[in-house]
N, C-alpha and C. Protein backbone atom coordinates (compact mmCIF):
# COMPACT_ATOMS: atom_id res chain seq x y z
N MET A 1 -29.78 -106.15 -47.64
CA MET A 1 -28.70 -106.30 -47.50
C MET A 1 -27.14 -107.17 -47.15
N GLY A 2 -26.61 -107.83 -46.85
CA GLY A 2 -25.69 -109.46 -47.41
C GLY A 2 -25.00 -109.07 -45.79
N LYS A 3 -24.75 -109.82 -45.51
CA LYS A 3 -24.09 -109.77 -43.85
C LYS A 3 -22.95 -108.62 -43.89
N ILE A 4 -22.95 -108.22 -43.00
CA ILE A 4 -21.44 -107.60 -43.10
C ILE A 4 -21.74 -107.23 -41.31
N LYS A 5 -20.04 -107.08 -41.45
CA LYS A 5 -19.53 -106.99 -40.01
C LYS A 5 -18.60 -105.62 -40.27
N TYR A 6 -18.43 -105.24 -39.23
CA TYR A 6 -17.72 -103.42 -39.38
C TYR A 6 -18.06 -102.99 -37.77
N LEU A 7 -16.48 -102.29 -38.03
CA LEU A 7 -15.95 -101.61 -37.34
C LEU A 7 -16.07 -99.72 -36.83
N ASN A 8 -16.66 -100.17 -35.52
CA ASN A 8 -17.45 -98.45 -35.04
C ASN A 8 -16.66 -97.20 -34.27
N ALA A 9 -16.64 -96.58 -34.86
CA ALA A 9 -15.29 -95.69 -35.07
C ALA A 9 -15.79 -94.19 -34.73
N GLU A 10 -17.19 -93.93 -33.98
CA GLU A 10 -17.18 -92.60 -34.15
C GLU A 10 -17.01 -91.84 -32.80
N ILE A 11 -15.52 -91.79 -32.99
CA ILE A 11 -15.41 -90.83 -31.41
C ILE A 11 -13.70 -90.76 -32.95
N SER A 12 -13.14 -89.22 -31.68
CA SER A 12 -12.09 -89.17 -32.85
C SER A 12 -11.18 -88.50 -32.32
N LEU A 13 -9.91 -89.83 -33.59
CA LEU A 13 -8.86 -90.70 -33.49
C LEU A 13 -7.43 -90.01 -32.08
N PRO A 14 -7.05 -90.59 -32.39
CA PRO A 14 -5.62 -89.83 -31.49
C PRO A 14 -4.40 -89.16 -31.96
N GLY A 15 -4.52 -87.54 -31.59
CA GLY A 15 -3.18 -87.53 -32.49
C GLY A 15 -3.74 -86.53 -34.06
N ALA A 16 -3.45 -85.71 -34.75
CA ALA A 16 -3.64 -85.68 -36.34
C ALA A 16 -4.62 -86.16 -36.86
N VAL A 17 -4.99 -87.19 -36.63
CA VAL A 17 -5.39 -88.32 -37.34
C VAL A 17 -6.56 -88.24 -37.70
N CYS A 18 -7.17 -88.26 -38.51
CA CYS A 18 -9.18 -87.87 -38.57
C CYS A 18 -10.10 -88.86 -40.00
N ASN A 19 -8.65 -89.29 -40.79
CA ASN A 19 -9.53 -89.97 -42.09
C ASN A 19 -10.04 -91.13 -41.49
N TRP A 20 -10.72 -91.25 -40.76
CA TRP A 20 -10.02 -92.38 -40.22
C TRP A 20 -11.14 -93.79 -41.19
N HIS A 21 -11.63 -93.59 -42.36
CA HIS A 21 -12.08 -94.24 -43.44
C HIS A 21 -11.34 -94.97 -44.78
N ALA A 22 -9.94 -93.98 -44.71
CA ALA A 22 -8.40 -94.52 -45.47
C ALA A 22 -7.52 -94.60 -45.02
N ILE A 23 -7.56 -95.13 -43.40
CA ILE A 23 -6.97 -96.29 -42.50
C ILE A 23 -6.29 -97.36 -43.23
N PRO A 24 -4.75 -97.64 -43.14
CA PRO A 24 -5.53 -99.34 -43.33
C PRO A 24 -6.38 -100.02 -42.55
N GLU A 25 -7.37 -101.80 -42.01
CA GLU A 25 -8.04 -102.22 -41.44
C GLU A 25 -6.89 -102.10 -40.20
N PRO A 26 -5.61 -102.97 -40.93
CA PRO A 26 -5.01 -103.63 -39.40
C PRO A 26 -4.26 -102.40 -38.59
N GLU A 27 -3.85 -101.44 -39.15
CA GLU A 27 -4.38 -99.18 -38.17
C GLU A 27 -4.60 -99.69 -37.87
N LEU A 28 -5.77 -99.23 -38.28
CA LEU A 28 -6.51 -98.71 -37.89
C LEU A 28 -7.41 -99.45 -36.33
N ILE A 29 -8.00 -100.53 -36.33
CA ILE A 29 -8.31 -101.25 -35.98
C ILE A 29 -6.79 -101.23 -34.13
N LYS A 30 -5.81 -101.09 -34.35
CA LYS A 30 -5.17 -100.95 -33.62
C LYS A 30 -4.75 -99.60 -32.73
N ILE A 31 -5.32 -98.81 -33.53
CA ILE A 31 -4.84 -97.44 -32.93
C ILE A 31 -6.51 -97.30 -32.23
N LEU A 32 -7.65 -97.83 -32.33
CA LEU A 32 -8.55 -98.09 -32.31
C LEU A 32 -8.41 -99.28 -31.15
N GLU A 33 -7.40 -99.64 -30.67
CA GLU A 33 -7.26 -100.62 -28.63
C GLU A 33 -8.34 -101.16 -29.22
N SER A 34 -8.71 -101.72 -30.88
CA SER A 34 -10.31 -103.17 -31.18
C SER A 34 -8.82 -104.95 -31.42
N THR A 35 -9.87 -105.33 -31.21
CA THR A 35 -9.39 -106.74 -31.52
C THR A 35 -10.72 -107.29 -33.16
N GLU A 36 -9.39 -108.35 -33.57
CA GLU A 36 -11.07 -108.87 -35.02
C GLU A 36 -11.65 -109.49 -33.97
N ASN A 37 -11.27 -110.11 -32.47
CA ASN A 37 -12.81 -110.99 -31.75
C ASN A 37 -13.28 -109.25 -31.10
N GLY A 38 -13.06 -108.48 -31.41
CA GLY A 38 -14.20 -107.72 -30.52
C GLY A 38 -13.67 -106.72 -29.33
N LEU A 39 -14.23 -105.63 -28.86
CA LEU A 39 -14.04 -105.53 -26.71
C LEU A 39 -14.73 -106.47 -26.14
N ASP A 40 -13.22 -106.56 -25.28
CA ASP A 40 -13.39 -107.10 -24.21
C ASP A 40 -14.80 -107.13 -22.99
N GLN A 41 -15.53 -107.45 -22.27
CA GLN A 41 -16.64 -107.05 -22.11
C GLN A 41 -16.71 -106.17 -20.72
N ASN A 42 -15.73 -106.26 -20.41
CA ASN A 42 -15.18 -104.61 -19.49
C ASN A 42 -15.03 -103.81 -20.28
N ILE A 43 -14.11 -103.83 -20.65
CA ILE A 43 -14.14 -101.83 -21.18
C ILE A 43 -15.10 -101.87 -21.75
N ALA A 44 -15.61 -103.32 -21.90
CA ALA A 44 -17.17 -101.93 -23.41
C ALA A 44 -18.06 -101.65 -22.37
N SER A 45 -17.97 -102.01 -21.10
CA SER A 45 -18.33 -101.25 -19.89
C SER A 45 -18.49 -100.31 -18.99
N GLU A 46 -16.89 -100.20 -19.53
CA GLU A 46 -15.76 -98.79 -19.12
C GLU A 46 -16.32 -97.21 -19.99
N ARG A 47 -16.93 -97.96 -21.85
CA ARG A 47 -17.21 -96.74 -22.45
C ARG A 47 -17.75 -96.66 -22.42
N LEU A 48 -19.07 -97.05 -22.51
CA LEU A 48 -20.37 -96.13 -21.52
C LEU A 48 -20.87 -96.09 -20.94
N LYS A 49 -20.24 -95.85 -19.62
CA LYS A 49 -19.67 -95.20 -18.93
C LYS A 49 -19.40 -93.82 -19.29
N LYS A 50 -17.98 -93.98 -20.17
CA LYS A 50 -17.14 -93.02 -20.39
C LYS A 50 -18.32 -92.19 -21.75
N PHE A 51 -18.45 -92.78 -22.16
CA PHE A 51 -18.50 -91.93 -23.65
C PHE A 51 -20.54 -92.00 -23.50
N GLY A 52 -21.71 -92.67 -22.64
CA GLY A 52 -22.60 -93.13 -22.80
C GLY A 52 -23.86 -93.22 -23.38
N HIS A 53 -24.50 -93.27 -23.47
CA HIS A 53 -25.62 -94.24 -24.55
C HIS A 53 -25.50 -93.78 -26.56
N ASN A 54 -25.66 -94.37 -26.62
CA ASN A 54 -25.25 -94.86 -28.41
C ASN A 54 -26.82 -93.88 -28.79
N SER A 55 -27.09 -92.72 -28.88
CA SER A 55 -29.27 -92.99 -29.15
C SER A 55 -28.89 -91.32 -29.00
N PHE A 56 -30.06 -90.37 -29.82
CA PHE A 56 -30.33 -89.49 -30.16
C PHE A 56 -30.75 -88.84 -29.52
N LYS A 57 -30.08 -87.13 -28.58
CA LYS A 57 -30.63 -86.19 -27.57
C LYS A 57 -31.96 -86.45 -27.52
N GLN A 58 -32.82 -87.26 -27.32
CA GLN A 58 -34.81 -86.42 -27.11
C GLN A 58 -35.23 -85.47 -27.03
N ASN A 59 -36.25 -85.02 -27.51
CA ASN A 59 -36.93 -84.00 -27.32
C ASN A 59 -37.60 -83.61 -25.56
N VAL A 60 -37.32 -82.90 -25.25
CA VAL A 60 -37.81 -82.62 -24.25
C VAL A 60 -39.37 -81.80 -24.34
N HIS A 61 -40.26 -83.06 -23.57
CA HIS A 61 -41.90 -83.07 -24.07
C HIS A 61 -41.89 -81.32 -22.67
N ILE A 62 -43.20 -81.05 -23.83
CA ILE A 62 -43.35 -79.56 -22.13
C ILE A 62 -44.50 -79.80 -21.31
N ARG A 63 -44.79 -80.05 -20.14
CA ARG A 63 -45.99 -81.11 -19.00
C ARG A 63 -45.91 -79.67 -18.24
N GLY A 64 -46.88 -80.31 -17.47
CA GLY A 64 -48.02 -79.05 -16.87
C GLY A 64 -48.17 -78.16 -17.36
N LEU A 65 -48.32 -76.42 -16.26
CA LEU A 65 -48.68 -75.35 -16.73
C LEU A 65 -48.03 -75.67 -17.83
N LEU A 66 -46.62 -75.23 -18.09
CA LEU A 66 -46.35 -74.67 -20.25
C LEU A 66 -47.22 -75.53 -20.85
N LEU A 67 -47.15 -76.90 -20.55
CA LEU A 67 -48.91 -77.46 -21.80
C LEU A 67 -49.37 -76.70 -21.85
N PHE A 68 -50.75 -76.30 -21.28
CA PHE A 68 -51.67 -75.95 -20.58
C PHE A 68 -51.67 -74.20 -21.11
N LEU A 69 -50.92 -73.51 -20.99
CA LEU A 69 -50.59 -71.66 -21.67
C LEU A 69 -50.15 -72.89 -23.22
N LYS A 70 -49.99 -73.71 -23.65
CA LYS A 70 -48.31 -73.21 -25.29
C LYS A 70 -50.83 -73.32 -25.88
N GLN A 71 -51.86 -74.77 -25.15
CA GLN A 71 -52.73 -74.09 -26.08
C GLN A 71 -52.85 -72.54 -26.10
N PHE A 72 -53.51 -71.94 -25.66
CA PHE A 72 -53.44 -70.42 -25.76
C PHE A 72 -52.81 -69.93 -26.99
N LYS A 73 -52.06 -70.19 -27.24
CA LYS A 73 -50.34 -70.01 -28.96
C LYS A 73 -51.72 -70.16 -30.25
N SER A 74 -53.04 -71.06 -30.01
CA SER A 74 -53.73 -71.23 -31.17
C SER A 74 -53.66 -69.73 -32.11
N PRO A 75 -54.02 -69.26 -33.64
CA PRO A 75 -54.17 -68.70 -33.41
C PRO A 75 -56.39 -68.29 -33.55
N LEU A 76 -57.29 -69.35 -33.72
CA LEU A 76 -58.24 -69.55 -32.82
C LEU A 76 -58.25 -68.60 -31.68
N ILE A 77 -58.05 -69.66 -30.24
CA ILE A 77 -57.80 -68.44 -29.98
C ILE A 77 -57.77 -67.12 -29.40
N LEU A 78 -56.52 -66.69 -30.33
CA LEU A 78 -56.38 -65.50 -29.37
C LEU A 78 -57.86 -64.53 -30.59
N ILE A 79 -58.18 -65.37 -31.83
CA ILE A 79 -59.47 -64.73 -31.80
C ILE A 79 -60.04 -64.37 -31.06
N LEU A 80 -60.96 -65.23 -30.56
CA LEU A 80 -61.88 -65.19 -28.87
C LEU A 80 -61.30 -64.27 -28.31
N ILE A 81 -60.59 -64.35 -27.38
CA ILE A 81 -58.55 -63.98 -26.86
C ILE A 81 -59.33 -62.78 -27.11
N SER A 82 -59.50 -62.41 -29.12
CA SER A 82 -59.17 -60.58 -28.15
C SER A 82 -60.98 -59.83 -28.13
N ALA A 83 -62.02 -61.40 -29.60
CA ALA A 83 -63.03 -61.10 -29.48
C ALA A 83 -64.39 -60.73 -27.51
N ALA A 84 -63.40 -61.73 -26.79
CA ALA A 84 -63.61 -61.47 -25.41
C ALA A 84 -63.26 -60.17 -24.64
N GLY A 85 -62.19 -59.89 -24.84
CA GLY A 85 -61.42 -58.58 -25.00
C GLY A 85 -62.61 -57.33 -25.80
N ILE A 86 -62.44 -57.00 -26.82
CA ILE A 86 -63.35 -56.43 -27.04
C ILE A 86 -65.46 -56.49 -25.54
N SER A 87 -65.98 -57.27 -25.51
CA SER A 87 -66.83 -57.46 -25.12
C SER A 87 -66.64 -57.26 -23.99
N LEU A 88 -65.49 -56.74 -23.34
CA LEU A 88 -65.81 -56.77 -21.87
C LEU A 88 -65.86 -54.90 -21.88
N PHE A 89 -65.06 -54.76 -23.24
CA PHE A 89 -64.07 -53.07 -23.09
C PHE A 89 -65.45 -52.56 -23.52
N LEU A 90 -67.01 -53.17 -24.45
CA LEU A 90 -68.06 -52.74 -24.48
C LEU A 90 -69.32 -52.42 -23.34
N GLU A 91 -68.41 -53.47 -22.51
CA GLU A 91 -69.70 -54.10 -20.84
C GLU A 91 -70.16 -54.62 -21.07
N GLN A 92 -70.27 -55.62 -21.98
CA GLN A 92 -71.22 -56.87 -23.17
C GLN A 92 -70.84 -57.28 -21.89
N TRP A 93 -70.89 -57.66 -20.42
CA TRP A 93 -70.13 -58.91 -19.35
C TRP A 93 -70.90 -60.57 -20.60
N LEU A 94 -72.12 -59.98 -20.10
CA LEU A 94 -72.47 -61.97 -20.47
C LEU A 94 -71.61 -62.93 -21.56
N ASP A 95 -71.52 -61.78 -22.66
CA ASP A 95 -71.06 -62.62 -23.82
C ASP A 95 -69.40 -62.65 -23.59
N SER A 96 -68.84 -61.80 -23.39
CA SER A 96 -67.83 -62.17 -22.50
C SER A 96 -67.19 -63.19 -22.14
N LEU A 97 -68.17 -63.27 -20.32
CA LEU A 97 -68.18 -64.30 -19.65
C LEU A 97 -68.47 -66.06 -20.90
N ILE A 98 -69.02 -65.74 -22.16
CA ILE A 98 -69.25 -67.40 -22.39
C ILE A 98 -68.02 -67.10 -23.66
N ILE A 99 -67.31 -66.58 -24.03
CA ILE A 99 -66.91 -66.47 -24.50
C ILE A 99 -65.58 -67.02 -24.17
N LEU A 100 -64.50 -66.45 -23.13
CA LEU A 100 -63.85 -66.75 -22.16
C LEU A 100 -63.90 -68.75 -21.61
N ALA A 101 -65.41 -68.96 -20.90
CA ALA A 101 -65.36 -70.08 -21.10
C ALA A 101 -65.87 -71.13 -22.15
N VAL A 102 -65.94 -70.53 -23.25
CA VAL A 102 -65.26 -71.62 -24.70
C VAL A 102 -63.71 -71.44 -24.55
N VAL A 103 -63.36 -70.64 -24.35
CA VAL A 103 -62.08 -70.03 -24.59
C VAL A 103 -61.14 -71.11 -23.56
N VAL A 104 -61.23 -71.27 -22.40
CA VAL A 104 -60.53 -72.77 -21.42
C VAL A 104 -60.96 -73.97 -21.85
N SER A 105 -62.36 -73.67 -21.78
CA SER A 105 -63.01 -75.50 -21.97
C SER A 105 -61.90 -75.57 -23.30
N SER A 106 -61.80 -75.03 -24.79
CA SER A 106 -61.84 -76.11 -25.44
C SER A 106 -59.32 -75.98 -25.18
N ALA A 107 -59.26 -75.58 -24.56
CA ALA A 107 -58.04 -75.00 -24.00
C ALA A 107 -57.46 -75.82 -23.23
N ILE A 108 -58.46 -76.24 -22.60
CA ILE A 108 -58.99 -77.34 -21.63
C ILE A 108 -58.85 -78.92 -22.18
N ILE A 109 -59.53 -79.04 -22.56
CA ILE A 109 -59.57 -80.13 -23.59
C ILE A 109 -58.31 -80.21 -24.97
N GLY A 110 -57.79 -79.68 -25.48
CA GLY A 110 -56.79 -79.77 -25.88
C GLY A 110 -55.94 -79.78 -25.26
N TYR A 111 -55.19 -79.27 -24.00
CA TYR A 111 -53.98 -79.95 -22.55
C TYR A 111 -54.22 -81.38 -22.49
N ARG A 112 -55.15 -81.68 -22.64
CA ARG A 112 -56.22 -83.20 -21.63
C ARG A 112 -55.43 -84.32 -23.27
N GLN A 113 -55.54 -83.67 -24.69
CA GLN A 113 -55.68 -84.39 -26.34
C GLN A 113 -53.82 -83.91 -25.84
N GLU A 114 -53.47 -83.07 -26.07
CA GLU A 114 -52.02 -83.46 -25.70
C GLU A 114 -51.18 -83.97 -25.32
N PHE A 115 -51.59 -83.88 -23.76
CA PHE A 115 -50.84 -84.96 -22.72
C PHE A 115 -51.36 -86.73 -22.73
N ASN A 116 -52.37 -87.01 -23.34
CA ASN A 116 -52.56 -87.76 -23.10
C ASN A 116 -51.65 -88.31 -24.17
N ALA A 117 -51.63 -87.87 -25.69
CA ALA A 117 -50.49 -88.37 -27.35
C ALA A 117 -48.78 -88.32 -26.40
N GLN A 118 -48.79 -87.90 -25.52
CA GLN A 118 -47.06 -87.55 -25.35
C GLN A 118 -47.46 -88.75 -24.29
N LYS A 119 -47.95 -89.60 -23.38
CA LYS A 119 -48.02 -90.83 -23.20
C LYS A 119 -48.41 -92.02 -23.50
N ALA A 120 -48.87 -92.05 -24.35
CA ALA A 120 -48.95 -92.93 -25.69
C ALA A 120 -47.57 -92.88 -26.36
N ILE A 121 -46.69 -91.64 -26.22
CA ILE A 121 -45.83 -92.39 -27.19
C ILE A 121 -44.87 -92.68 -26.51
N GLU A 122 -44.56 -92.51 -25.01
CA GLU A 122 -43.61 -92.77 -24.47
C GLU A 122 -44.19 -93.60 -24.89
N LYS A 123 -45.02 -94.59 -24.34
CA LYS A 123 -45.31 -96.14 -24.40
C LYS A 123 -45.17 -97.23 -25.35
N LEU A 124 -44.49 -96.54 -26.55
CA LEU A 124 -44.09 -97.05 -27.03
C LEU A 124 -42.96 -97.40 -27.89
N LYS A 125 -42.82 -95.89 -27.18
CA LYS A 125 -41.38 -95.82 -27.27
C LYS A 125 -40.49 -97.09 -26.60
N ALA A 126 -40.74 -96.75 -25.37
CA ALA A 126 -40.60 -97.61 -24.10
C ALA A 126 -40.32 -99.47 -24.95
N ARG A 127 -41.45 -99.47 -25.12
CA ARG A 127 -41.26 -101.51 -26.02
C ARG A 127 -40.58 -101.29 -26.93
N ILE A 128 -40.30 -100.27 -28.10
CA ILE A 128 -39.69 -100.66 -29.10
C ILE A 128 -38.66 -100.12 -29.29
N VAL A 129 -37.18 -101.46 -28.58
CA VAL A 129 -35.88 -101.63 -28.21
C VAL A 129 -35.42 -101.91 -29.50
N LEU A 130 -34.79 -100.84 -30.14
CA LEU A 130 -33.15 -101.32 -31.70
C LEU A 130 -32.55 -101.98 -30.71
N ARG A 131 -31.92 -103.09 -30.93
CA ARG A 131 -30.83 -103.90 -30.99
C ARG A 131 -30.03 -104.62 -31.64
N SER A 132 -29.12 -104.61 -31.53
CA SER A 132 -27.97 -105.03 -32.38
C SER A 132 -27.07 -106.22 -32.21
N LYS A 133 -26.10 -106.31 -33.30
CA LYS A 133 -25.72 -107.59 -32.63
C LYS A 133 -24.05 -106.55 -32.62
N VAL A 134 -23.52 -107.46 -31.57
CA VAL A 134 -21.84 -107.26 -31.41
C VAL A 134 -21.43 -108.49 -31.61
N LEU A 135 -19.61 -108.09 -32.15
CA LEU A 135 -18.78 -108.66 -31.37
C LEU A 135 -17.55 -108.66 -29.85
N ARG A 136 -18.07 -109.50 -28.59
CA ARG A 136 -16.98 -109.11 -27.91
C ARG A 136 -16.24 -110.21 -27.09
N ASN A 137 -15.78 -110.41 -26.96
CA ASN A 137 -14.81 -111.73 -26.34
C ASN A 137 -14.93 -112.50 -27.71
N GLY A 138 -15.20 -112.12 -28.61
CA GLY A 138 -15.05 -113.49 -29.16
C GLY A 138 -16.42 -114.10 -29.91
N ASN A 139 -16.98 -113.63 -29.23
CA ASN A 139 -18.92 -114.33 -29.43
C ASN A 139 -19.56 -112.99 -30.27
N GLN A 140 -20.12 -113.68 -30.21
CA GLN A 140 -21.95 -112.71 -30.86
C GLN A 140 -22.71 -112.53 -29.68
N HIS A 141 -23.18 -111.38 -29.32
CA HIS A 141 -24.37 -111.23 -28.41
C HIS A 141 -24.69 -109.82 -28.72
N GLU A 142 -26.32 -110.02 -28.52
CA GLU A 142 -27.49 -108.89 -29.26
C GLU A 142 -27.48 -108.41 -27.82
N ILE A 143 -27.31 -106.89 -28.08
CA ILE A 143 -27.73 -106.08 -27.30
C ILE A 143 -28.20 -104.95 -27.54
N PRO A 144 -29.52 -104.00 -26.77
CA PRO A 144 -29.45 -103.10 -27.04
C PRO A 144 -29.07 -101.91 -27.73
N ALA A 145 -29.29 -100.97 -29.49
CA ALA A 145 -28.59 -100.69 -30.03
C ALA A 145 -27.42 -99.27 -29.02
N SER A 146 -28.31 -98.73 -28.17
CA SER A 146 -28.12 -97.47 -27.27
C SER A 146 -27.33 -98.38 -26.67
N GLU A 147 -26.84 -99.07 -25.55
CA GLU A 147 -25.44 -100.21 -25.77
C GLU A 147 -23.55 -100.25 -26.60
N ILE A 148 -24.29 -99.47 -27.63
CA ILE A 148 -22.81 -99.93 -28.77
C ILE A 148 -22.03 -98.83 -28.15
N VAL A 149 -20.71 -99.02 -28.19
CA VAL A 149 -19.70 -97.87 -27.64
C VAL A 149 -18.36 -98.07 -28.96
N PRO A 150 -18.07 -97.28 -28.54
CA PRO A 150 -17.21 -97.15 -30.14
C PRO A 150 -16.05 -97.93 -30.14
N ARG A 151 -16.20 -98.13 -30.96
CA ARG A 151 -14.21 -99.42 -31.06
C ARG A 151 -14.84 -100.57 -31.23
N ASP A 152 -16.24 -100.68 -31.40
CA ASP A 152 -17.63 -102.28 -31.69
C ASP A 152 -17.39 -102.72 -32.70
N ILE A 153 -16.78 -104.32 -32.25
CA ILE A 153 -17.32 -104.23 -33.67
C ILE A 153 -19.20 -105.38 -34.57
N VAL A 154 -20.24 -104.34 -34.88
CA VAL A 154 -21.24 -105.41 -34.80
C VAL A 154 -20.96 -105.62 -36.68
N LEU A 155 -22.36 -106.31 -36.16
CA LEU A 155 -22.46 -107.59 -37.34
C LEU A 155 -24.27 -107.38 -37.88
N LEU A 156 -24.72 -107.63 -39.16
CA LEU A 156 -25.93 -106.92 -39.63
C LEU A 156 -25.75 -108.24 -40.33
N SER A 157 -27.65 -108.25 -40.75
CA SER A 157 -28.20 -108.65 -41.44
C SER A 157 -28.97 -108.36 -42.36
N ALA A 158 -29.47 -108.98 -43.37
CA ALA A 158 -30.64 -108.47 -44.09
C ALA A 158 -31.71 -107.99 -43.35
N GLY A 159 -32.07 -106.85 -43.60
CA GLY A 159 -32.66 -105.88 -43.17
C GLY A 159 -32.20 -105.21 -41.65
N SER A 160 -31.55 -104.81 -41.31
CA SER A 160 -31.21 -104.57 -40.51
C SER A 160 -30.68 -102.86 -40.40
N MET A 161 -31.06 -102.28 -39.23
CA MET A 161 -30.34 -100.95 -39.67
C MET A 161 -29.33 -100.76 -38.89
N VAL A 162 -28.50 -99.67 -39.39
CA VAL A 162 -27.08 -98.87 -38.94
C VAL A 162 -26.71 -98.59 -37.88
N PRO A 163 -25.87 -98.68 -36.62
CA PRO A 163 -26.97 -98.19 -35.77
C PRO A 163 -25.62 -96.85 -35.05
N ALA A 164 -25.05 -97.70 -36.16
CA ALA A 164 -23.44 -96.47 -35.50
C ALA A 164 -22.70 -96.12 -36.87
N ASP A 165 -21.67 -94.91 -37.09
CA ASP A 165 -21.14 -94.55 -37.94
C ASP A 165 -20.13 -95.67 -38.30
N GLY A 166 -19.41 -96.45 -39.07
CA GLY A 166 -18.43 -97.37 -38.94
C GLY A 166 -17.86 -97.30 -40.21
N ARG A 167 -16.41 -98.48 -40.09
CA ARG A 167 -15.77 -98.73 -40.93
C ARG A 167 -16.40 -100.05 -41.62
N ILE A 168 -16.00 -100.83 -42.46
CA ILE A 168 -15.78 -102.12 -42.99
C ILE A 168 -15.33 -103.40 -43.43
N LEU A 169 -15.58 -103.95 -42.53
CA LEU A 169 -14.71 -105.26 -42.39
C LEU A 169 -14.69 -106.55 -43.35
N SER A 170 -15.82 -107.22 -43.43
CA SER A 170 -16.43 -107.27 -43.67
C SER A 170 -17.04 -107.76 -44.70
N SER A 171 -17.86 -107.86 -45.81
CA SER A 171 -18.84 -108.00 -46.64
C SER A 171 -19.54 -108.65 -47.70
N LYS A 172 -20.59 -108.79 -47.82
CA LYS A 172 -21.23 -110.08 -49.32
C LYS A 172 -22.79 -109.78 -49.61
N ASP A 173 -22.10 -109.09 -50.99
CA ASP A 173 -23.10 -107.86 -51.72
C ASP A 173 -24.24 -107.20 -50.45
N LEU A 174 -23.55 -106.08 -49.79
CA LEU A 174 -23.58 -105.02 -48.81
C LEU A 174 -25.21 -104.10 -49.73
N TYR A 175 -25.68 -103.82 -49.66
CA TYR A 175 -26.67 -102.41 -50.14
C TYR A 175 -26.70 -102.47 -48.96
N VAL A 176 -27.13 -100.80 -48.44
CA VAL A 176 -26.82 -99.75 -47.78
C VAL A 176 -28.55 -98.63 -47.30
N ASN A 177 -29.26 -98.36 -47.75
CA ASN A 177 -30.84 -97.59 -48.22
C ASN A 177 -29.28 -96.08 -47.32
N GLU A 178 -28.50 -94.57 -48.29
CA GLU A 178 -28.61 -94.28 -47.82
C GLU A 178 -29.55 -92.91 -47.94
N SER A 179 -30.98 -92.74 -47.92
CA SER A 179 -31.91 -91.57 -49.04
C SER A 179 -31.84 -90.33 -48.15
N ALA A 180 -31.93 -91.33 -46.99
CA ALA A 180 -31.75 -89.45 -45.66
C ALA A 180 -30.29 -89.20 -45.69
N LEU A 181 -30.08 -89.47 -45.85
CA LEU A 181 -27.87 -88.87 -46.21
C LEU A 181 -28.10 -87.92 -47.67
N THR A 182 -28.80 -89.05 -48.48
CA THR A 182 -27.50 -88.85 -49.71
C THR A 182 -29.13 -88.38 -50.99
N GLY A 183 -30.20 -88.28 -50.25
CA GLY A 183 -31.54 -88.24 -52.07
C GLY A 183 -31.44 -89.26 -52.62
N GLU A 184 -30.81 -90.05 -52.22
CA GLU A 184 -30.21 -91.30 -53.56
C GLU A 184 -31.56 -92.13 -52.99
N SER A 185 -32.47 -92.58 -54.53
CA SER A 185 -33.45 -92.94 -54.20
C SER A 185 -33.14 -94.88 -53.65
N PHE A 186 -32.37 -95.16 -54.95
CA PHE A 186 -31.34 -96.81 -55.05
C PHE A 186 -30.61 -97.08 -53.36
N PRO A 187 -30.65 -98.03 -53.16
CA PRO A 187 -29.75 -98.21 -51.91
C PRO A 187 -27.93 -98.96 -52.43
N THR A 188 -27.04 -98.30 -51.40
CA THR A 188 -25.51 -98.00 -52.52
C THR A 188 -25.69 -99.03 -52.37
N GLU A 189 -24.68 -99.86 -53.39
CA GLU A 189 -23.25 -100.67 -53.02
C GLU A 189 -21.91 -100.08 -52.49
N LYS A 190 -22.73 -100.83 -50.93
CA LYS A 190 -21.33 -100.97 -50.37
C LYS A 190 -19.29 -101.90 -49.88
N LYS A 191 -18.32 -102.18 -50.79
CA LYS A 191 -17.20 -103.26 -49.76
C LYS A 191 -16.65 -102.40 -49.68
N ARG A 192 -15.82 -103.26 -48.69
CA ARG A 192 -14.87 -103.40 -48.44
C ARG A 192 -13.63 -102.63 -48.32
N GLU A 193 -13.01 -103.06 -49.43
CA GLU A 193 -11.93 -103.57 -50.84
C GLU A 193 -12.04 -100.98 -51.03
N TYR A 194 -12.97 -101.05 -51.03
CA TYR A 194 -13.58 -98.90 -51.29
C TYR A 194 -13.22 -97.90 -49.89
N SER A 195 -13.30 -99.41 -48.95
CA SER A 195 -12.44 -98.17 -47.49
C SER A 195 -13.90 -97.18 -47.37
N ASN A 196 -15.23 -97.92 -48.18
CA ASN A 196 -16.24 -97.58 -48.00
C ASN A 196 -16.93 -97.40 -46.24
N PRO A 197 -17.26 -95.77 -45.59
CA PRO A 197 -17.68 -96.24 -44.60
C PRO A 197 -19.61 -96.31 -44.43
N VAL A 198 -19.87 -97.21 -43.66
CA VAL A 198 -21.38 -97.12 -43.02
C VAL A 198 -21.47 -96.04 -42.48
N TYR A 199 -22.47 -95.60 -42.28
CA TYR A 199 -23.21 -94.44 -41.06
C TYR A 199 -24.36 -94.54 -41.25
N ARG A 200 -24.47 -94.07 -39.86
CA ARG A 200 -26.22 -94.20 -38.33
C ARG A 200 -27.46 -94.94 -39.35
N SER A 201 -28.24 -95.04 -39.26
CA SER A 201 -29.45 -94.67 -39.76
C SER A 201 -29.72 -93.72 -39.10
N LEU A 202 -31.10 -93.23 -39.00
CA LEU A 202 -31.87 -91.87 -39.09
C LEU A 202 -32.67 -91.91 -38.38
N LYS A 203 -33.27 -92.94 -38.47
CA LYS A 203 -34.59 -93.72 -38.39
C LYS A 203 -34.73 -93.83 -36.87
């Protein structure tokens, strides 16, 4: 992917205007209250408070008792519980106690493994922060991608992930991998004159 500069326009435009990808560039920048030099840092901070972070909603992890009870959804565990119930019905107390001990032990081991896995994933996510370059007050700034706000001008280079939907303002030899959206195995060429929008990477 070549060097690219594009405008993040991932909000609804005023009035009946909705086809932001087809609006002439100067008019679009005016409608979005942006400039070719990017947003003012103070305005960007206000928009971050207003619109929130540029990130997908995270899956809520199951904690505590619910995570432990989840272990009993396993087909094998359910079969063992049924066997313990039959043993109790037949008054085979020792067999039922042994089966129940196996069930509880298996649930505890599964709980600890899943709990530790969730903690490890959270630590990895905390260390890996996607950063992007934006134009603010005419200067280039590198910020966390989650802090990109609507109407920001984003700068990309080869190998960068697209952090938000937007309109191309300038580009050179730009190819974008859109396989997650279109199923195409080859990168798609994007040119400014075609008013081709770019879409946020799903990874």
